[in-house]
Amino acid sequence: MTAAPPPPPVDVDPRLLEVLVCPVTRAPLFYDRARGELVSHTAKLAYPIRDGVPIMLPEEARSLADGE
């Protein structure tokens, strides 16, 4: 079975990106447009963005691999 393709790039309001922080560490998030995720390097988690809405639940986040 092959992995699902990444979601199409989604534009996120820059003002929203300024106020969102990682719910685990309260560290800033970095927007990965290609993957449609908000990334917390501190927590090593990537939060998905679905239909333009960031899903800020740790249990919905993807764990980052080493070097990501």
N, C-alpha and C. Protein backbone atom coordinates (compact mmCIF):
# COMPACT_ATOMS: atom_id res chain seq x y z
N MET A 1 0.84 -1.17 0.00
CA MET A 1 0.00 0.00 0.00
C MET A 1 0.89 1.24 0.00
N THR A 2 0.56 2.26 -0.79
CA THR A 2 1.35 3.47 -0.85
C THR A 2 0.79 4.51 0.12
N ALA A 3 1.65 5.43 0.51
CA ALA A 3 1.23 6.50 1.41
C ALA A 3 0.31 7.46 0.66
N ALA A 4 -0.60 8.06 1.40
CA ALA A 4 -1.51 9.03 0.80
C ALA A 4 -0.72 10.26 0.37
N PRO A 5 -1.07 10.87 -0.76
CA PRO A 5 -0.37 12.07 -1.20
C PRO A 5 -0.63 13.21 -0.22
N PRO A 6 0.31 14.16 -0.12
CA PRO A 6 0.08 15.28 0.79
C PRO A 6 -1.09 16.12 0.30
N PRO A 7 -1.76 16.81 1.21
CA PRO A 7 -2.88 17.66 0.80
C PRO A 7 -2.37 18.81 -0.05
N PRO A 8 -3.23 19.39 -0.88
CA PRO A 8 -2.80 20.53 -1.68
C PRO A 8 -2.45 21.70 -0.76
N PRO A 9 -1.52 22.57 -1.20
CA PRO A 9 -1.15 23.71 -0.37
C PRO A 9 -2.36 24.57 -0.03
N VAL A 10 -2.36 25.04 1.21
CA VAL A 10 -3.45 25.86 1.70
C VAL A 10 -2.86 27.17 2.18
N ASP A 11 -3.50 28.28 1.84
CA ASP A 11 -3.05 29.56 2.36
C ASP A 11 -3.65 29.77 3.74
N VAL A 12 -2.80 30.21 4.66
CA VAL A 12 -3.23 30.48 6.02
C VAL A 12 -3.02 31.96 6.27
N ASP A 13 -3.98 32.57 6.93
CA ASP A 13 -3.92 34.00 7.24
C ASP A 13 -2.66 34.29 8.06
N PRO A 14 -1.78 35.17 7.57
CA PRO A 14 -0.55 35.48 8.30
C PRO A 14 -0.80 35.98 9.72
N ARG A 15 -1.91 36.68 9.93
CA ARG A 15 -2.23 37.16 11.29
C ARG A 15 -2.50 35.99 12.22
N LEU A 16 -3.09 34.92 11.69
CA LEU A 16 -3.34 33.73 12.49
C LEU A 16 -2.01 33.07 12.87
N LEU A 17 -1.10 33.02 11.92
CA LEU A 17 0.21 32.40 12.19
C LEU A 17 0.97 33.17 13.26
N GLU A 18 0.75 34.47 13.36
CA GLU A 18 1.44 35.28 14.37
C GLU A 18 0.99 34.95 15.78
N VAL A 19 -0.25 34.52 15.96
CA VAL A 19 -0.77 34.29 17.31
C VAL A 19 -0.79 32.83 17.73
N LEU A 20 -0.72 31.91 16.77
CA LEU A 20 -0.74 30.49 17.13
C LEU A 20 0.60 30.06 17.70
N VAL A 21 0.55 29.26 18.75
CA VAL A 21 1.75 28.65 19.33
C VAL A 21 1.46 27.17 19.56
N CYS A 22 2.51 26.41 19.76
CA CYS A 22 2.36 24.99 20.04
C CYS A 22 1.62 24.81 21.36
N PRO A 23 0.55 24.01 21.39
CA PRO A 23 -0.18 23.81 22.64
C PRO A 23 0.61 23.02 23.68
N VAL A 24 1.65 22.33 23.27
CA VAL A 24 2.46 21.53 24.19
C VAL A 24 3.55 22.38 24.83
N THR A 25 4.28 23.16 24.00
CA THR A 25 5.45 23.88 24.49
C THR A 25 5.26 25.39 24.54
N ARG A 26 4.23 25.89 23.91
CA ARG A 26 3.98 27.33 23.76
C ARG A 26 5.05 28.02 22.91
N ALA A 27 5.79 27.23 22.15
CA ALA A 27 6.82 27.76 21.25
C ALA A 27 6.17 28.17 19.93
N PRO A 28 6.84 29.05 19.18
CA PRO A 28 6.30 29.45 17.86
C PRO A 28 6.19 28.26 16.92
N LEU A 29 5.26 28.39 15.98
CA LEU A 29 5.06 27.36 14.95
C LEU A 29 5.56 27.89 13.61
N PHE A 30 6.01 26.99 12.77
CA PHE A 30 6.46 27.33 11.44
C PHE A 30 5.53 26.66 10.43
N TYR A 31 5.10 27.43 9.45
CA TYR A 31 4.14 26.94 8.46
C TYR A 31 4.87 26.21 7.34
N ASP A 32 4.55 24.95 7.15
CA ASP A 32 5.06 24.15 6.03
C ASP A 32 3.94 24.09 5.01
N ARG A 33 3.98 25.00 4.05
CA ARG A 33 2.90 25.11 3.06
C ARG A 33 2.80 23.86 2.21
N ALA A 34 3.93 23.28 1.84
CA ALA A 34 3.93 22.11 0.96
C ALA A 34 3.21 20.93 1.60
N ARG A 35 3.35 20.78 2.90
CA ARG A 35 2.70 19.65 3.60
C ARG A 35 1.38 20.05 4.25
N GLY A 36 1.08 21.34 4.29
CA GLY A 36 -0.16 21.78 4.92
C GLY A 36 -0.15 21.53 6.41
N GLU A 37 0.98 21.88 7.05
CA GLU A 37 1.14 21.63 8.49
C GLU A 37 1.76 22.84 9.19
N LEU A 38 1.47 22.94 10.47
CA LEU A 38 2.16 23.87 11.34
C LEU A 38 3.13 23.05 12.17
N VAL A 39 4.40 23.40 12.11
CA VAL A 39 5.45 22.58 12.71
C VAL A 39 5.99 23.22 13.98
N SER A 40 6.08 22.40 15.02
CA SER A 40 6.73 22.79 16.27
C SER A 40 8.01 21.98 16.37
N HIS A 41 9.15 22.65 16.10
CA HIS A 41 10.43 21.95 16.20
C HIS A 41 10.74 21.61 17.65
N THR A 42 10.29 22.44 18.58
CA THR A 42 10.54 22.20 19.99
C THR A 42 9.86 20.93 20.47
N ALA A 43 8.60 20.74 20.09
CA ALA A 43 7.84 19.55 20.51
C ALA A 43 8.04 18.38 19.54
N LYS A 44 8.67 18.66 18.39
CA LYS A 44 8.86 17.65 17.34
C LYS A 44 7.52 17.09 16.86
N LEU A 45 6.57 18.03 16.66
CA LEU A 45 5.23 17.69 16.19
C LEU A 45 4.85 18.57 15.00
N ALA A 46 4.01 18.04 14.12
CA ALA A 46 3.46 18.79 12.99
C ALA A 46 1.94 18.69 13.06
N TYR A 47 1.31 19.84 13.22
CA TYR A 47 -0.15 19.89 13.35
C TYR A 47 -0.77 20.06 11.96
N PRO A 48 -1.75 19.24 11.59
CA PRO A 48 -2.34 19.34 10.26
C PRO A 48 -3.25 20.56 10.12
N ILE A 49 -3.41 20.98 8.89
CA ILE A 49 -4.38 22.03 8.56
C ILE A 49 -5.39 21.36 7.64
N ARG A 50 -6.64 21.32 8.07
CA ARG A 50 -7.70 20.68 7.29
C ARG A 50 -8.74 21.71 6.90
N ASP A 51 -9.00 21.81 5.63
CA ASP A 51 -9.96 22.78 5.10
C ASP A 51 -9.67 24.18 5.61
N GLY A 52 -8.37 24.51 5.71
CA GLY A 52 -7.97 25.85 6.14
C GLY A 52 -7.98 26.06 7.63
N VAL A 53 -8.30 25.03 8.41
CA VAL A 53 -8.38 25.14 9.87
C VAL A 53 -7.24 24.35 10.52
N PRO A 54 -6.38 25.04 11.28
CA PRO A 54 -5.33 24.31 11.99
C PRO A 54 -5.93 23.42 13.08
N ILE A 55 -5.51 22.17 13.11
CA ILE A 55 -5.98 21.22 14.12
C ILE A 55 -4.89 21.16 15.19
N MET A 56 -5.11 21.88 16.28
CA MET A 56 -4.08 22.09 17.30
C MET A 56 -4.18 21.09 18.45
N LEU A 57 -4.54 19.88 18.16
CA LEU A 57 -4.63 18.83 19.17
C LEU A 57 -3.41 17.94 19.09
N PRO A 58 -2.67 17.79 20.18
CA PRO A 58 -1.47 16.95 20.14
C PRO A 58 -1.74 15.53 19.64
N GLU A 59 -2.90 14.98 19.95
CA GLU A 59 -3.19 13.61 19.50
C GLU A 59 -3.44 13.54 17.99
N GLU A 60 -3.69 14.66 17.34
CA GLU A 60 -3.86 14.70 15.89
C GLU A 60 -2.56 15.04 15.16
N ALA A 61 -1.54 15.44 15.91
CA ALA A 61 -0.26 15.85 15.32
C ALA A 61 0.56 14.65 14.88
N ARG A 62 1.39 14.90 13.89
CA ARG A 62 2.32 13.90 13.39
C ARG A 62 3.66 14.14 14.08
N SER A 63 4.29 13.06 14.54
CA SER A 63 5.62 13.17 15.12
C SER A 63 6.63 13.41 14.00
N LEU A 64 7.54 14.34 14.24
CA LEU A 64 8.57 14.62 13.26
C LEU A 64 9.68 13.58 13.34
N ALA A 65 10.16 13.19 12.19
CA ALA A 65 11.31 12.29 12.13
C ALA A 65 12.57 13.08 12.42
N ASP A 66 13.63 12.41 12.81
CA ASP A 66 14.90 13.09 13.04
C ASP A 66 15.32 13.84 11.79
N GLY A 67 15.74 15.08 11.97
CA GLY A 67 16.19 15.89 10.85
C GLY A 67 15.10 16.68 10.15
N GLU A 68 13.86 16.48 10.51
CA GLU A 68 12.77 17.23 9.88
C GLU A 68 12.65 18.60 10.50
